[in-house]
Amino acid sequence: MKNIRAYLMIGVLGALLTGCATISNQTTQSVSITTSNGKSVVVTINRQKMSLPAEVEISRVDGAVVQVLAQNNKCYESTQLVIKGKDKISGWFWANILTGGTTGSTTDAVSGGMWEYANQNFIVPVDRKPNCN
């Protein structure tokens, strides 16, 4: 009887911890994005317009493209920063392999929850146009 309870408890814990990185990390991560000169600029991040500096949710798998467009910022040159996804494997993923086995780790790999950004602070290089007030 004791063995049945132990196996049942292990099974329940395994089921609860399946997809642990996906549950803990989600498929996006909040990162801080600022400019190299510390000034505020309007950017487009994956086709969504916003102002920097800002905290932004970006995909752990796909990353993001941060564009500073001259047409939106009269005193700045156009530039961009590419933030690559799949930066670093999360510690939650490794824990999930130990506790949830292949089911949980497969869920994490497919959803993107197995990834995290090692650096959560990104700086977009910006250059002011000469003689711009």
N, C-alpha and C. Protein backbone atom coordinates (compact mmCIF):
# COMPACT_ATOMS: atom_id res chain seq x y z
N MET A 1 0.82 -1.19 0.00
CA MET A 1 0.00 0.00 0.00
C MET A 1 0.87 1.27 0.00
N LYS A 2 1.96 1.22 0.77
CA LYS A 2 2.85 2.38 0.82
C LYS A 2 3.48 2.65 -0.55
N ASN A 3 3.83 1.60 -1.26
CA ASN A 3 4.44 1.75 -2.59
C ASN A 3 3.46 2.37 -3.57
N ILE A 4 2.21 1.99 -3.49
CA ILE A 4 1.19 2.55 -4.39
C ILE A 4 1.05 4.05 -4.14
N ARG A 5 1.04 4.45 -2.89
CA ARG A 5 0.94 5.88 -2.56
C ARG A 5 2.16 6.63 -3.09
N ALA A 6 3.33 6.05 -2.92
CA ALA A 6 4.56 6.71 -3.39
C ALA A 6 4.53 6.88 -4.91
N TYR A 7 4.13 5.82 -5.62
CA TYR A 7 4.06 5.91 -7.08
C TYR A 7 2.99 6.91 -7.53
N LEU A 8 1.89 6.92 -6.81
CA LEU A 8 0.81 7.86 -7.13
C LEU A 8 1.29 9.30 -6.91
N MET A 9 1.99 9.55 -5.82
CA MET A 9 2.51 10.88 -5.51
C MET A 9 3.53 11.31 -6.57
N ILE A 10 4.40 10.42 -6.98
CA ILE A 10 5.39 10.73 -8.02
C ILE A 10 4.69 11.06 -9.33
N GLY A 11 3.67 10.29 -9.67
CA GLY A 11 2.90 10.54 -10.89
C GLY A 11 2.21 11.89 -10.86
N VAL A 12 1.60 12.23 -9.73
CA VAL A 12 0.92 13.52 -9.60
C VAL A 12 1.92 14.66 -9.69
N LEU A 13 3.04 14.55 -9.00
CA LEU A 13 4.06 15.60 -9.07
C LEU A 13 4.62 15.75 -10.48
N GLY A 14 4.85 14.63 -11.15
CA GLY A 14 5.33 14.68 -12.53
C GLY A 14 4.35 15.38 -13.44
N ALA A 15 3.07 15.10 -13.27
CA ALA A 15 2.05 15.75 -14.10
C ALA A 15 1.96 17.24 -13.80
N LEU A 16 2.08 17.60 -12.53
CA LEU A 16 2.00 19.02 -12.16
C LEU A 16 3.19 19.81 -12.66
N LEU A 17 4.34 19.18 -12.73
CA LEU A 17 5.55 19.89 -13.12
C LEU A 17 5.82 19.83 -14.62
N THR A 18 4.98 19.16 -15.38
CA THR A 18 5.15 19.07 -16.82
C THR A 18 4.98 20.45 -17.44
N GLY A 19 5.93 20.84 -18.28
CA GLY A 19 5.87 22.16 -18.90
C GLY A 19 6.27 23.26 -17.93
N CYS A 20 7.10 22.92 -16.97
CA CYS A 20 7.47 23.84 -15.90
C CYS A 20 8.04 25.16 -16.41
N ALA A 21 8.95 25.12 -17.37
CA ALA A 21 9.54 26.35 -17.90
C ALA A 21 8.50 27.18 -18.63
N THR A 22 7.59 26.51 -19.33
CA THR A 22 6.53 27.23 -20.04
C THR A 22 5.62 27.95 -19.06
N ILE A 23 5.29 27.28 -17.97
CA ILE A 23 4.43 27.88 -16.95
C ILE A 23 5.16 29.00 -16.21
N SER A 24 6.40 28.76 -15.82
CA SER A 24 7.16 29.74 -15.05
C SER A 24 7.64 30.91 -15.89
N ASN A 25 8.14 30.64 -17.09
CA ASN A 25 8.73 31.67 -17.94
C ASN A 25 7.74 32.33 -18.89
N GLN A 26 6.69 31.63 -19.26
CA GLN A 26 5.80 32.06 -20.34
C GLN A 26 6.59 32.02 -21.65
N THR A 27 6.01 32.51 -22.71
CA THR A 27 6.70 32.48 -24.01
C THR A 27 7.28 33.83 -24.39
N THR A 28 7.04 34.85 -23.55
CA THR A 28 7.64 36.16 -23.75
C THR A 28 8.41 36.55 -22.49
N GLN A 29 9.28 37.54 -22.62
CA GLN A 29 10.05 38.01 -21.47
C GLN A 29 10.07 39.52 -21.48
N SER A 30 9.97 40.11 -20.31
CA SER A 30 10.05 41.56 -20.17
C SER A 30 11.52 41.97 -20.17
N VAL A 31 11.86 42.89 -21.06
CA VAL A 31 13.23 43.40 -21.15
C VAL A 31 13.17 44.93 -21.14
N SER A 32 14.28 45.54 -20.77
CA SER A 32 14.40 46.99 -20.75
C SER A 32 15.14 47.42 -22.01
N ILE A 33 14.57 48.39 -22.73
CA ILE A 33 15.22 48.91 -23.93
C ILE A 33 15.38 50.41 -23.78
N THR A 34 16.61 50.89 -23.92
CA THR A 34 16.91 52.32 -23.82
C THR A 34 17.73 52.73 -25.04
N THR A 35 18.04 54.01 -25.12
CA THR A 35 18.86 54.52 -26.22
C THR A 35 20.28 54.77 -25.74
N SER A 36 21.22 54.81 -26.68
CA SER A 36 22.62 55.01 -26.32
C SER A 36 22.90 56.37 -25.72
N ASN A 37 22.05 57.36 -26.01
CA ASN A 37 22.26 58.69 -25.43
C ASN A 37 21.30 58.99 -24.27
N GLY A 38 20.45 58.04 -23.94
CA GLY A 38 19.53 58.21 -22.82
C GLY A 38 18.31 59.08 -23.13
N LYS A 39 18.20 59.57 -24.35
CA LYS A 39 17.08 60.43 -24.74
C LYS A 39 15.88 59.59 -25.19
N SER A 40 14.72 60.19 -25.17
CA SER A 40 13.50 59.52 -25.59
C SER A 40 13.37 59.57 -27.12
N VAL A 41 13.03 58.45 -27.72
CA VAL A 41 12.77 58.38 -29.16
C VAL A 41 11.54 57.50 -29.40
N VAL A 42 10.94 57.69 -30.56
CA VAL A 42 9.84 56.84 -30.98
C VAL A 42 10.43 55.70 -31.80
N VAL A 43 10.04 54.48 -31.49
CA VAL A 43 10.55 53.31 -32.19
C VAL A 43 9.40 52.44 -32.67
N THR A 44 9.73 51.55 -33.56
CA THR A 44 8.81 50.51 -33.97
C THR A 44 9.44 49.19 -33.56
N ILE A 45 8.72 48.42 -32.75
CA ILE A 45 9.20 47.12 -32.32
C ILE A 45 8.23 46.08 -32.86
N ASN A 46 8.73 45.28 -33.79
CA ASN A 46 7.89 44.28 -34.45
C ASN A 46 6.58 44.89 -34.94
N ARG A 47 6.70 46.01 -35.64
CA ARG A 47 5.58 46.74 -36.27
C ARG A 47 4.65 47.43 -35.28
N GLN A 48 5.04 47.56 -34.02
CA GLN A 48 4.23 48.29 -33.03
C GLN A 48 5.01 49.53 -32.59
N LYS A 49 4.37 50.70 -32.71
CA LYS A 49 5.03 51.96 -32.39
C LYS A 49 4.94 52.23 -30.88
N MET A 50 6.07 52.69 -30.30
CA MET A 50 6.13 53.05 -28.88
C MET A 50 7.32 53.97 -28.63
N SER A 51 7.41 54.49 -27.44
CA SER A 51 8.52 55.36 -27.06
C SER A 51 9.50 54.63 -26.17
N LEU A 52 10.77 54.96 -26.35
CA LEU A 52 11.82 54.45 -25.47
C LEU A 52 12.30 55.58 -24.60
N PRO A 53 12.78 55.31 -23.42
CA PRO A 53 13.01 54.01 -22.83
C PRO A 53 11.70 53.35 -22.39
N ALA A 54 11.72 51.99 -22.34
CA ALA A 54 10.51 51.26 -21.96
C ALA A 54 10.86 49.83 -21.56
N GLU A 55 9.95 49.25 -20.80
CA GLU A 55 9.96 47.82 -20.52
C GLU A 55 9.05 47.20 -21.58
N VAL A 56 9.53 46.18 -22.28
CA VAL A 56 8.80 45.61 -23.41
C VAL A 56 8.77 44.08 -23.28
N GLU A 57 7.63 43.49 -23.60
CA GLU A 57 7.51 42.03 -23.65
C GLU A 57 7.89 41.57 -25.06
N ILE A 58 8.91 40.71 -25.15
CA ILE A 58 9.30 40.20 -26.46
C ILE A 58 9.34 38.67 -26.44
N SER A 59 9.15 38.09 -27.60
CA SER A 59 9.13 36.64 -27.74
C SER A 59 10.48 36.04 -27.39
N ARG A 60 10.45 34.97 -26.61
CA ARG A 60 11.68 34.26 -26.26
C ARG A 60 12.25 33.51 -27.47
N VAL A 61 11.40 33.16 -28.43
CA VAL A 61 11.84 32.42 -29.61
C VAL A 61 12.22 33.35 -30.75
N ASP A 62 11.33 34.29 -31.07
CA ASP A 62 11.50 35.14 -32.25
C ASP A 62 12.36 36.37 -32.02
N GLY A 63 12.49 36.82 -30.78
CA GLY A 63 13.22 38.05 -30.51
C GLY A 63 12.44 39.25 -30.99
N ALA A 64 13.14 40.30 -31.41
CA ALA A 64 12.48 41.53 -31.84
C ALA A 64 13.42 42.37 -32.69
N VAL A 65 12.82 43.21 -33.52
CA VAL A 65 13.58 44.19 -34.28
C VAL A 65 13.11 45.56 -33.80
N VAL A 66 14.04 46.34 -33.26
CA VAL A 66 13.75 47.68 -32.75
C VAL A 66 14.25 48.67 -33.79
N GLN A 67 13.34 49.46 -34.38
CA GLN A 67 13.71 50.41 -35.42
C GLN A 67 13.46 51.84 -34.97
N VAL A 68 14.49 52.66 -35.11
CA VAL A 68 14.35 54.10 -34.93
C VAL A 68 14.27 54.67 -36.34
N LEU A 69 13.14 55.23 -36.69
CA LEU A 69 12.95 55.77 -38.04
C LEU A 69 13.06 57.28 -38.02
N ALA A 70 13.83 57.82 -38.96
CA ALA A 70 14.03 59.27 -39.05
C ALA A 70 12.70 60.00 -39.23
N GLN A 71 11.76 59.41 -39.93
CA GLN A 71 10.47 60.06 -40.16
C GLN A 71 9.68 60.26 -38.86
N ASN A 72 9.98 59.46 -37.83
CA ASN A 72 9.30 59.60 -36.54
C ASN A 72 10.12 60.39 -35.53
N ASN A 73 11.38 60.65 -35.85
CA ASN A 73 12.30 61.34 -34.94
C ASN A 73 13.12 62.33 -35.75
N LYS A 74 12.67 63.57 -35.83
CA LYS A 74 13.24 64.53 -36.78
C LYS A 74 14.74 64.79 -36.60
N CYS A 75 15.27 64.62 -35.42
CA CYS A 75 16.68 64.91 -35.19
C CYS A 75 17.58 63.67 -35.15
N TYR A 76 17.04 62.51 -35.52
CA TYR A 76 17.82 61.28 -35.45
C TYR A 76 17.88 60.56 -36.78
N GLU A 77 19.02 59.90 -37.00
CA GLU A 77 19.19 59.05 -38.18
C GLU A 77 18.41 57.75 -37.95
N SER A 78 18.00 57.11 -39.02
CA SER A 78 17.35 55.81 -38.90
C SER A 78 18.38 54.76 -38.50
N THR A 79 17.99 53.87 -37.62
CA THR A 79 18.86 52.78 -37.17
C THR A 79 17.99 51.66 -36.63
N GLN A 80 18.61 50.54 -36.34
CA GLN A 80 17.84 49.45 -35.75
C GLN A 80 18.72 48.57 -34.87
N LEU A 81 18.07 47.84 -34.00
CA LEU A 81 18.72 46.86 -33.14
C LEU A 81 17.95 45.56 -33.30
N VAL A 82 18.66 44.47 -33.59
CA VAL A 82 18.02 43.16 -33.70
C VAL A 82 18.31 42.40 -32.40
N ILE A 83 17.25 42.00 -31.72
CA ILE A 83 17.37 41.20 -30.51
C ILE A 83 17.04 39.77 -30.92
N LYS A 84 18.02 38.90 -30.86
CA LYS A 84 17.83 37.53 -31.31
C LYS A 84 17.18 36.70 -30.21
N GLY A 85 16.22 35.88 -30.60
CA GLY A 85 15.58 34.95 -29.67
C GLY A 85 16.46 33.74 -29.43
N LYS A 86 15.97 32.83 -28.61
CA LYS A 86 16.70 31.61 -28.28
C LYS A 86 18.09 31.92 -27.77
N ASP A 87 18.17 32.83 -26.81
CA ASP A 87 19.44 33.32 -26.30
C ASP A 87 20.13 32.31 -25.38
N LYS A 88 19.41 31.85 -24.37
CA LYS A 88 20.01 30.98 -23.35
C LYS A 88 18.93 30.02 -22.86
N ILE A 89 19.30 28.77 -22.59
CA ILE A 89 18.33 27.81 -22.06
C ILE A 89 18.08 28.11 -20.59
N SER A 90 16.81 28.18 -20.23
CA SER A 90 16.39 28.50 -18.87
C SER A 90 16.71 27.37 -17.89
N GLY A 91 17.01 27.74 -16.67
CA GLY A 91 17.21 26.75 -15.60
C GLY A 91 15.95 25.95 -15.34
N TRP A 92 14.79 26.57 -15.56
CA TRP A 92 13.51 25.85 -15.40
C TRP A 92 13.43 24.67 -16.36
N PHE A 93 13.97 24.81 -17.54
CA PHE A 93 13.95 23.73 -18.52
C PHE A 93 14.73 22.52 -17.99
N TRP A 94 15.92 22.76 -17.44
CA TRP A 94 16.74 21.67 -16.92
C TRP A 94 16.05 21.00 -15.73
N ALA A 95 15.42 21.79 -14.87
CA ALA A 95 14.67 21.22 -13.74
C ALA A 95 13.52 20.37 -14.26
N ASN A 96 12.90 20.81 -15.33
CA ASN A 96 11.78 20.08 -15.90
C ASN A 96 12.22 18.74 -16.48
N ILE A 97 13.39 18.69 -17.06
CA ILE A 97 13.90 17.41 -17.57
C ILE A 97 14.05 16.42 -16.42
N LEU A 98 14.54 16.90 -15.29
CA LEU A 98 14.74 16.02 -14.14
C LEU A 98 13.41 15.57 -13.52
N THR A 99 12.41 16.44 -13.52
CA THR A 99 11.15 16.11 -12.85
C THR A 99 10.05 15.66 -13.80
N GLY A 100 9.98 16.23 -14.98
CA GLY A 100 8.88 15.93 -15.89
C GLY A 100 9.26 15.07 -17.07
N GLY A 101 10.55 14.87 -17.26
CA GLY A 101 11.00 14.03 -18.36
C GLY A 101 10.73 14.62 -19.72
N THR A 102 10.53 13.76 -20.69
CA THR A 102 10.42 14.20 -22.07
C THR A 102 9.12 14.95 -22.35
N THR A 103 8.06 14.64 -21.66
CA THR A 103 6.78 15.33 -21.92
C THR A 103 6.90 16.81 -21.60
N GLY A 104 7.39 17.13 -20.42
CA GLY A 104 7.51 18.52 -20.01
C GLY A 104 8.54 19.28 -20.82
N SER A 105 9.68 18.64 -21.08
CA SER A 105 10.73 19.34 -21.84
C SER A 105 10.30 19.55 -23.29
N THR A 106 9.53 18.63 -23.84
CA THR A 106 9.02 18.80 -25.20
C THR A 106 8.04 19.97 -25.24
N THR A 107 7.18 20.06 -24.24
CA THR A 107 6.24 21.19 -24.15
C THR A 107 7.01 22.50 -24.09
N ASP A 108 8.04 22.55 -23.28
CA ASP A 108 8.85 23.76 -23.15
C ASP A 108 9.55 24.12 -24.46
N ALA A 109 10.07 23.12 -25.15
CA ALA A 109 10.77 23.37 -26.41
C ALA A 109 9.82 23.88 -27.49
N VAL A 110 8.66 23.29 -27.59
CA VAL A 110 7.69 23.68 -28.61
C VAL A 110 7.12 25.07 -28.34
N SER A 111 6.83 25.37 -27.08
CA SER A 111 6.20 26.66 -26.74
C SER A 111 7.20 27.82 -26.72
N GLY A 112 8.48 27.52 -26.55
CA GLY A 112 9.49 28.57 -26.43
C GLY A 112 9.81 28.89 -24.99
N GLY A 113 9.13 28.26 -24.04
CA GLY A 113 9.36 28.52 -22.62
C GLY A 113 10.72 28.09 -22.13
N MET A 114 11.43 27.29 -22.91
CA MET A 114 12.75 26.82 -22.48
C MET A 114 13.83 27.89 -22.61
N TRP A 115 13.52 29.01 -23.27
CA TRP A 115 14.51 30.05 -23.53
C TRP A 115 14.35 31.23 -22.59
N GLU A 116 15.44 31.95 -22.39
CA GLU A 116 15.40 33.22 -21.65
C GLU A 116 16.52 34.11 -22.19
N TYR A 117 16.38 35.40 -21.93
CA TYR A 117 17.42 36.34 -22.33
C TYR A 117 18.41 36.48 -21.18
N ALA A 118 19.68 36.17 -21.43
CA ALA A 118 20.71 36.30 -20.41
C ALA A 118 20.86 37.76 -20.01
N ASN A 119 20.80 38.65 -20.99
CA ASN A 119 20.86 40.09 -20.75
C ASN A 119 19.44 40.63 -20.92
N GLN A 120 18.92 41.27 -19.92
CA GLN A 120 17.56 41.80 -19.99
C GLN A 120 17.54 43.31 -20.26
N ASN A 121 18.69 43.87 -20.56
CA ASN A 121 18.81 45.30 -20.84
C ASN A 121 19.46 45.49 -22.21
N PHE A 122 18.73 46.17 -23.09
CA PHE A 122 19.22 46.39 -24.45
C PHE A 122 19.33 47.88 -24.72
N ILE A 123 20.35 48.25 -25.49
CA ILE A 123 20.60 49.66 -25.82
C ILE A 123 20.57 49.82 -27.33
N VAL A 124 19.68 50.68 -27.80
CA VAL A 124 19.57 50.98 -29.23
C VAL A 124 20.54 52.11 -29.55
N PRO A 125 21.45 51.92 -30.51
CA PRO A 125 22.35 53.01 -30.88
C PRO A 125 21.57 54.08 -31.64
N VAL A 126 21.71 55.32 -31.20
CA VAL A 126 21.06 56.43 -31.90
C VAL A 126 22.09 57.50 -32.21
N ASP A 127 21.93 58.13 -33.38
CA ASP A 127 22.83 59.20 -33.80
C ASP A 127 21.98 60.43 -34.16
N ARG A 128 22.31 61.55 -33.55
CA ARG A 128 21.62 62.81 -33.88
C ARG A 128 22.10 63.31 -35.23
N LYS A 129 21.20 63.90 -35.97
CA LYS A 129 21.55 64.52 -37.24
C LYS A 129 22.35 65.79 -36.94
N PRO A 130 23.32 66.11 -37.76
CA PRO A 130 24.11 67.33 -37.54
C PRO A 130 23.22 68.59 -37.67
N ASN A 131 23.51 69.56 -36.87
CA ASN A 131 22.84 70.86 -36.90
C ASN A 131 21.31 70.77 -36.73
N CYS A 132 20.87 69.86 -35.90
CA CYS A 132 19.43 69.72 -35.66
C CYS A 132 19.12 70.26 -34.27
N ASN A 133 18.13 71.11 -34.19
CA ASN A 133 17.76 71.69 -32.91
C ASN A 133 16.54 71.03 -32.37
